[in-house]
Amino acid sequence: MRTIAITPSPEPCAEAGWHAVQFHLDQPVDRTLVMGLRHLGSLLVLEHVRQPFFKIESHYYMIKGLLGDTSIRVAAHHEHEEETHQIILDTLLHLDNHETTSDNICNTDERHPQGR
């Protein structure tokens, strides 16, 4: 999954030194992405509601989004904003590279199910 843009969040939260942005993604948010981000903090996922969503909280940032949407909202304390954005970009890039590798392996296994 790739980040195609980072824009100011439509929901400002500049009070108490926090700033929010939207990470616009090239694919909709799904459970695989959420599970790939879970190591970044404490995770809450509510899938059995009308609009499934997730939230990841850490000391200096919060990530949240709607499953099926093409963006996630990231709020970070101003002192940790750049570092938080880089951590998320690196994680998304890692997940994208892992998906590509996994897809290649699965395709090979599907073509040759007996030959490993």
N, C-alpha and C. Protein backbone atom coordinates (compact mmCIF):
# COMPACT_ATOMS: atom_id res chain seq x y z
N MET A 1 0.85 -1.17 0.00
CA MET A 1 0.00 0.00 0.00
C MET A 1 0.89 1.23 0.00
N ARG A 2 0.57 2.15 -0.86
CA ARG A 2 1.41 3.34 -0.99
C ARG A 2 0.65 4.59 -0.58
N THR A 3 1.40 5.54 -0.05
CA THR A 3 0.84 6.85 0.29
C THR A 3 0.94 7.72 -0.95
N ILE A 4 -0.20 8.25 -1.40
CA ILE A 4 -0.16 9.09 -2.60
C ILE A 4 -0.17 10.58 -2.25
N ALA A 5 -0.58 10.93 -1.03
CA ALA A 5 -0.56 12.33 -0.60
C ALA A 5 -0.74 12.38 0.91
N ILE A 6 -0.23 13.45 1.49
CA ILE A 6 -0.45 13.75 2.91
C ILE A 6 -0.99 15.17 2.95
N THR A 7 -2.19 15.33 3.50
CA THR A 7 -2.85 16.64 3.53
C THR A 7 -3.27 16.97 4.96
N PRO A 8 -3.47 18.26 5.25
CA PRO A 8 -3.98 18.63 6.58
C PRO A 8 -5.33 17.95 6.82
N SER A 9 -5.55 17.52 8.03
CA SER A 9 -6.80 16.85 8.37
C SER A 9 -7.96 17.84 8.35
N PRO A 10 -9.13 17.39 7.88
CA PRO A 10 -10.29 18.27 7.93
C PRO A 10 -10.79 18.49 9.36
N GLU A 11 -10.31 17.66 10.29
CA GLU A 11 -10.67 17.81 11.71
C GLU A 11 -9.45 18.31 12.47
N PRO A 12 -9.34 19.62 12.65
CA PRO A 12 -8.14 20.14 13.34
C PRO A 12 -8.11 19.70 14.80
N CYS A 13 -6.89 19.47 15.30
CA CYS A 13 -6.73 19.12 16.72
C CYS A 13 -5.46 19.78 17.25
N ALA A 14 -5.27 21.05 16.90
CA ALA A 14 -4.04 21.75 17.28
C ALA A 14 -4.00 22.12 18.75
N GLU A 15 -5.09 21.91 19.46
CA GLU A 15 -5.06 22.20 20.89
C GLU A 15 -4.05 21.29 21.58
N ALA A 16 -3.40 21.81 22.55
CA ALA A 16 -2.42 21.05 23.35
C ALA A 16 -1.24 20.55 22.53
N GLY A 17 -0.94 21.21 21.41
CA GLY A 17 0.26 20.88 20.66
C GLY A 17 0.16 19.67 19.75
N TRP A 18 -1.05 19.23 19.40
CA TRP A 18 -1.23 18.09 18.51
C TRP A 18 -1.61 18.59 17.13
N HIS A 19 -1.11 17.90 16.10
CA HIS A 19 -1.41 18.25 14.71
C HIS A 19 -1.85 16.98 13.98
N ALA A 20 -2.85 17.14 13.11
CA ALA A 20 -3.37 15.97 12.40
C ALA A 20 -3.26 16.14 10.89
N VAL A 21 -2.99 15.02 10.22
CA VAL A 21 -2.94 14.98 8.76
C VAL A 21 -3.67 13.73 8.28
N GLN A 22 -4.02 13.74 7.01
CA GLN A 22 -4.61 12.57 6.36
C GLN A 22 -3.55 11.96 5.45
N PHE A 23 -3.32 10.67 5.60
CA PHE A 23 -2.48 9.92 4.67
C PHE A 23 -3.44 9.32 3.64
N HIS A 24 -3.35 9.78 2.40
CA HIS A 24 -4.20 9.27 1.32
C HIS A 24 -3.48 8.08 0.68
N LEU A 25 -4.18 6.95 0.59
CA LEU A 25 -3.58 5.70 0.16
C LEU A 25 -4.06 5.30 -1.23
N ASP A 26 -3.29 4.45 -1.88
CA ASP A 26 -3.66 4.01 -3.24
C ASP A 26 -4.65 2.86 -3.24
N GLN A 27 -5.03 2.37 -2.05
CA GLN A 27 -5.99 1.27 -1.92
C GLN A 27 -6.84 1.52 -0.68
N PRO A 28 -8.01 0.92 -0.61
CA PRO A 28 -8.82 1.06 0.60
C PRO A 28 -8.18 0.38 1.81
N VAL A 29 -8.43 0.93 2.98
CA VAL A 29 -7.97 0.34 4.23
C VAL A 29 -8.69 -0.99 4.42
N ASP A 30 -7.92 -2.03 4.72
CA ASP A 30 -8.50 -3.33 5.00
C ASP A 30 -7.88 -3.91 6.26
N ARG A 31 -8.36 -5.07 6.65
CA ARG A 31 -7.87 -5.71 7.88
C ARG A 31 -6.38 -6.01 7.80
N THR A 32 -5.88 -6.37 6.63
CA THR A 32 -4.44 -6.66 6.48
C THR A 32 -3.60 -5.43 6.82
N LEU A 33 -4.03 -4.26 6.34
CA LEU A 33 -3.30 -3.04 6.66
C LEU A 33 -3.35 -2.76 8.16
N VAL A 34 -4.53 -2.85 8.74
CA VAL A 34 -4.68 -2.58 10.17
C VAL A 34 -3.79 -3.52 10.99
N MET A 35 -3.78 -4.79 10.65
CA MET A 35 -2.95 -5.75 11.38
C MET A 35 -1.46 -5.45 11.16
N GLY A 36 -1.11 -4.91 9.99
CA GLY A 36 0.27 -4.53 9.73
C GLY A 36 0.72 -3.31 10.52
N LEU A 37 -0.23 -2.49 10.93
CA LEU A 37 0.08 -1.29 11.72
C LEU A 37 0.01 -1.54 13.22
N ARG A 38 -0.50 -2.68 13.64
CA ARG A 38 -0.80 -2.90 15.06
C ARG A 38 0.42 -2.78 15.97
N HIS A 39 1.62 -3.03 15.46
CA HIS A 39 2.81 -2.95 16.31
C HIS A 39 3.15 -1.50 16.69
N LEU A 40 2.45 -0.53 16.11
CA LEU A 40 2.73 0.88 16.38
C LEU A 40 2.08 1.41 17.65
N GLY A 41 1.24 0.61 18.29
CA GLY A 41 0.59 1.06 19.52
C GLY A 41 -0.53 0.14 19.93
N SER A 42 -1.33 0.58 20.89
CA SER A 42 -2.47 -0.24 21.31
C SER A 42 -3.58 -0.11 20.26
N LEU A 43 -4.14 -1.23 19.90
CA LEU A 43 -5.08 -1.31 18.78
C LEU A 43 -6.49 -1.58 19.26
N LEU A 44 -7.43 -0.82 18.68
CA LEU A 44 -8.85 -1.07 18.86
C LEU A 44 -9.45 -1.20 17.47
N VAL A 45 -10.15 -2.30 17.19
CA VAL A 45 -10.82 -2.50 15.91
C VAL A 45 -12.27 -2.85 16.20
N LEU A 46 -13.18 -2.12 15.60
CA LEU A 46 -14.60 -2.43 15.70
C LEU A 46 -15.09 -2.74 14.29
N GLU A 47 -15.20 -4.02 14.00
CA GLU A 47 -15.58 -4.46 12.66
C GLU A 47 -17.07 -4.71 12.50
N HIS A 48 -17.77 -4.96 13.60
CA HIS A 48 -19.17 -5.36 13.52
C HIS A 48 -20.12 -4.19 13.83
N VAL A 49 -19.76 -3.03 13.34
CA VAL A 49 -20.62 -1.85 13.43
C VAL A 49 -20.94 -1.40 12.01
N ARG A 50 -21.88 -0.48 11.88
CA ARG A 50 -22.30 -0.06 10.54
C ARG A 50 -21.11 0.41 9.70
N GLN A 51 -20.21 1.20 10.28
CA GLN A 51 -19.02 1.65 9.57
C GLN A 51 -17.79 1.18 10.37
N PRO A 52 -17.22 0.01 10.02
CA PRO A 52 -16.08 -0.53 10.76
C PRO A 52 -14.90 0.46 10.79
N PHE A 53 -14.24 0.54 11.95
CA PHE A 53 -13.11 1.46 12.09
C PHE A 53 -12.05 0.87 13.01
N PHE A 54 -10.90 1.55 13.01
CA PHE A 54 -9.81 1.15 13.90
C PHE A 54 -9.16 2.40 14.49
N LYS A 55 -8.46 2.19 15.59
CA LYS A 55 -7.69 3.27 16.22
C LYS A 55 -6.46 2.65 16.86
N ILE A 56 -5.32 3.27 16.63
CA ILE A 56 -4.06 2.85 17.23
C ILE A 56 -3.54 4.03 18.03
N GLU A 57 -3.26 3.81 19.30
CA GLU A 57 -2.77 4.90 20.16
C GLU A 57 -1.39 4.58 20.69
N SER A 58 -0.55 5.61 20.72
CA SER A 58 0.77 5.54 21.32
C SER A 58 0.92 6.80 22.18
N HIS A 59 2.06 6.95 22.82
CA HIS A 59 2.25 8.12 23.68
C HIS A 59 2.23 9.43 22.90
N TYR A 60 2.80 9.43 21.69
CA TYR A 60 2.97 10.68 20.97
C TYR A 60 2.14 10.77 19.69
N TYR A 61 1.35 9.74 19.37
CA TYR A 61 0.53 9.81 18.17
C TYR A 61 -0.68 8.90 18.27
N MET A 62 -1.61 9.14 17.36
CA MET A 62 -2.80 8.32 17.23
C MET A 62 -3.09 8.16 15.74
N ILE A 63 -3.43 6.95 15.33
CA ILE A 63 -3.77 6.64 13.94
C ILE A 63 -5.19 6.09 13.96
N LYS A 64 -6.04 6.61 13.08
CA LYS A 64 -7.38 6.04 13.03
C LYS A 64 -7.92 6.12 11.62
N GLY A 65 -8.87 5.23 11.34
CA GLY A 65 -9.45 5.23 10.02
C GLY A 65 -10.64 4.31 9.93
N LEU A 66 -11.33 4.41 8.80
CA LEU A 66 -12.49 3.58 8.50
C LEU A 66 -12.09 2.48 7.55
N LEU A 67 -12.47 1.26 7.82
CA LEU A 67 -12.21 0.17 6.89
C LEU A 67 -12.97 0.45 5.61
N GLY A 68 -12.30 0.32 4.48
CA GLY A 68 -12.91 0.60 3.18
C GLY A 68 -12.62 2.00 2.67
N ASP A 69 -12.14 2.89 3.54
CA ASP A 69 -11.80 4.25 3.12
C ASP A 69 -10.40 4.25 2.51
N THR A 70 -10.04 5.30 1.80
CA THR A 70 -8.71 5.36 1.17
C THR A 70 -7.79 6.35 1.88
N SER A 71 -8.08 6.66 3.14
CA SER A 71 -7.17 7.50 3.90
C SER A 71 -7.21 7.10 5.37
N ILE A 72 -6.13 7.46 6.08
CA ILE A 72 -6.08 7.29 7.53
C ILE A 72 -5.70 8.63 8.12
N ARG A 73 -6.18 8.89 9.32
CA ARG A 73 -5.88 10.15 10.00
C ARG A 73 -4.80 9.88 11.03
N VAL A 74 -3.79 10.75 11.03
CA VAL A 74 -2.69 10.62 11.97
C VAL A 74 -2.57 11.92 12.76
N ALA A 75 -2.72 11.83 14.07
CA ALA A 75 -2.53 12.97 14.95
C ALA A 75 -1.26 12.72 15.75
N ALA A 76 -0.38 13.71 15.76
CA ALA A 76 0.90 13.55 16.45
C ALA A 76 1.21 14.79 17.27
N HIS A 77 1.86 14.58 18.40
CA HIS A 77 2.34 15.71 19.19
C HIS A 77 3.36 16.46 18.35
N HIS A 78 3.31 17.78 18.38
CA HIS A 78 4.15 18.58 17.47
C HIS A 78 5.64 18.25 17.58
N GLU A 79 6.11 17.84 18.75
CA GLU A 79 7.53 17.52 18.92
C GLU A 79 7.90 16.19 18.24
N HIS A 80 6.92 15.39 17.89
CA HIS A 80 7.17 14.07 17.31
C HIS A 80 6.51 13.90 15.95
N GLU A 81 6.08 14.98 15.35
CA GLU A 81 5.32 14.91 14.11
C GLU A 81 6.12 14.32 12.95
N GLU A 82 7.30 14.84 12.67
CA GLU A 82 8.10 14.33 11.54
C GLU A 82 8.48 12.87 11.74
N GLU A 83 8.92 12.55 12.94
CA GLU A 83 9.33 11.17 13.23
C GLU A 83 8.13 10.22 13.11
N THR A 84 6.96 10.62 13.57
CA THR A 84 5.75 9.80 13.45
C THR A 84 5.39 9.56 11.99
N HIS A 85 5.41 10.62 11.20
CA HIS A 85 5.09 10.48 9.78
C HIS A 85 6.06 9.52 9.09
N GLN A 86 7.34 9.61 9.44
CA GLN A 86 8.33 8.74 8.82
C GLN A 86 8.12 7.28 9.23
N ILE A 87 7.78 7.05 10.49
CA ILE A 87 7.51 5.68 10.96
C ILE A 87 6.34 5.09 10.18
N ILE A 88 5.29 5.87 9.98
CA ILE A 88 4.12 5.36 9.27
C ILE A 88 4.45 5.14 7.79
N LEU A 89 5.15 6.08 7.17
CA LEU A 89 5.55 5.90 5.77
C LEU A 89 6.41 4.65 5.60
N ASP A 90 7.37 4.46 6.51
CA ASP A 90 8.23 3.27 6.45
C ASP A 90 7.42 1.99 6.62
N THR A 91 6.47 2.00 7.54
CA THR A 91 5.64 0.81 7.77
C THR A 91 4.79 0.51 6.55
N LEU A 92 4.18 1.53 5.95
CA LEU A 92 3.36 1.32 4.75
C LEU A 92 4.22 0.79 3.60
N LEU A 93 5.43 1.32 3.46
CA LEU A 93 6.33 0.85 2.41
C LEU A 93 6.71 -0.61 2.66
N HIS A 94 7.01 -0.94 3.91
CA HIS A 94 7.35 -2.32 4.26
C HIS A 94 6.18 -3.26 3.94
N LEU A 95 4.97 -2.84 4.29
CA LEU A 95 3.79 -3.67 4.01
C LEU A 95 3.60 -3.84 2.51
N ASP A 96 3.84 -2.77 1.75
CA ASP A 96 3.71 -2.85 0.29
C ASP A 96 4.73 -3.81 -0.29
N ASN A 97 5.97 -3.73 0.17
CA ASN A 97 7.01 -4.65 -0.31
C ASN A 97 6.71 -6.08 0.10
N HIS A 98 6.20 -6.27 1.29
CA HIS A 98 5.87 -7.62 1.77
C HIS A 98 4.73 -8.20 0.96
N GLU A 99 3.70 -7.38 0.65
CA GLU A 99 2.58 -7.87 -0.17
C GLU A 99 3.06 -8.31 -1.54
N THR A 100 3.95 -7.53 -2.15
CA THR A 100 4.47 -7.86 -3.47
C THR A 100 5.21 -9.19 -3.42
N THR A 101 6.06 -9.35 -2.41
CA THR A 101 6.80 -10.60 -2.26
C THR A 101 5.85 -11.76 -2.00
N SER A 102 4.89 -11.56 -1.10
CA SER A 102 3.94 -12.63 -0.80
C SER A 102 3.11 -13.01 -2.01
N ASP A 103 2.69 -12.00 -2.79
CA ASP A 103 1.91 -12.28 -3.99
C ASP A 103 2.72 -13.12 -4.96
N ASN A 104 3.99 -12.80 -5.10
CA ASN A 104 4.83 -13.57 -6.02
C ASN A 104 4.97 -15.01 -5.55
N ILE A 105 5.14 -15.19 -4.27
CA ILE A 105 5.29 -16.54 -3.73
C ILE A 105 3.99 -17.31 -3.90
N CYS A 106 2.85 -16.68 -3.58
CA CYS A 106 1.55 -17.36 -3.73
C CYS A 106 1.31 -17.74 -5.18
N ASN A 107 1.61 -16.84 -6.10
CA ASN A 107 1.40 -17.14 -7.51
C ASN A 107 2.25 -18.33 -7.94
N THR A 108 3.48 -18.39 -7.47
CA THR A 108 4.35 -19.51 -7.81
C THR A 108 3.79 -20.80 -7.23
N ASP A 109 3.35 -20.77 -5.96
CA ASP A 109 2.79 -21.96 -5.34
C ASP A 109 1.53 -22.42 -6.04
N GLU A 110 0.70 -21.47 -6.50
CA GLU A 110 -0.53 -21.83 -7.19
C GLU A 110 -0.22 -22.52 -8.52
N ARG A 111 0.82 -22.08 -9.20
CA ARG A 111 1.17 -22.69 -10.49
C ARG A 111 1.78 -24.06 -10.28
N HIS A 112 2.51 -24.23 -9.19
CA HIS A 112 3.22 -25.49 -8.93
C HIS A 112 2.90 -25.95 -7.51
N PRO A 113 1.66 -26.36 -7.22
CA PRO A 113 1.28 -26.68 -5.86
C PRO A 113 2.09 -27.83 -5.24
N GLN A 114 2.59 -28.75 -6.03
CA GLN A 114 3.32 -29.89 -5.49
C GLN A 114 4.82 -29.64 -5.43
N GLY A 115 5.32 -28.74 -6.26
CA GLY A 115 6.77 -28.55 -6.33
C GLY A 115 7.24 -27.39 -5.49
N ARG A 116 7.80 -27.70 -4.35
CA ARG A 116 8.32 -26.64 -3.48
C ARG A 116 9.81 -26.71 -3.42
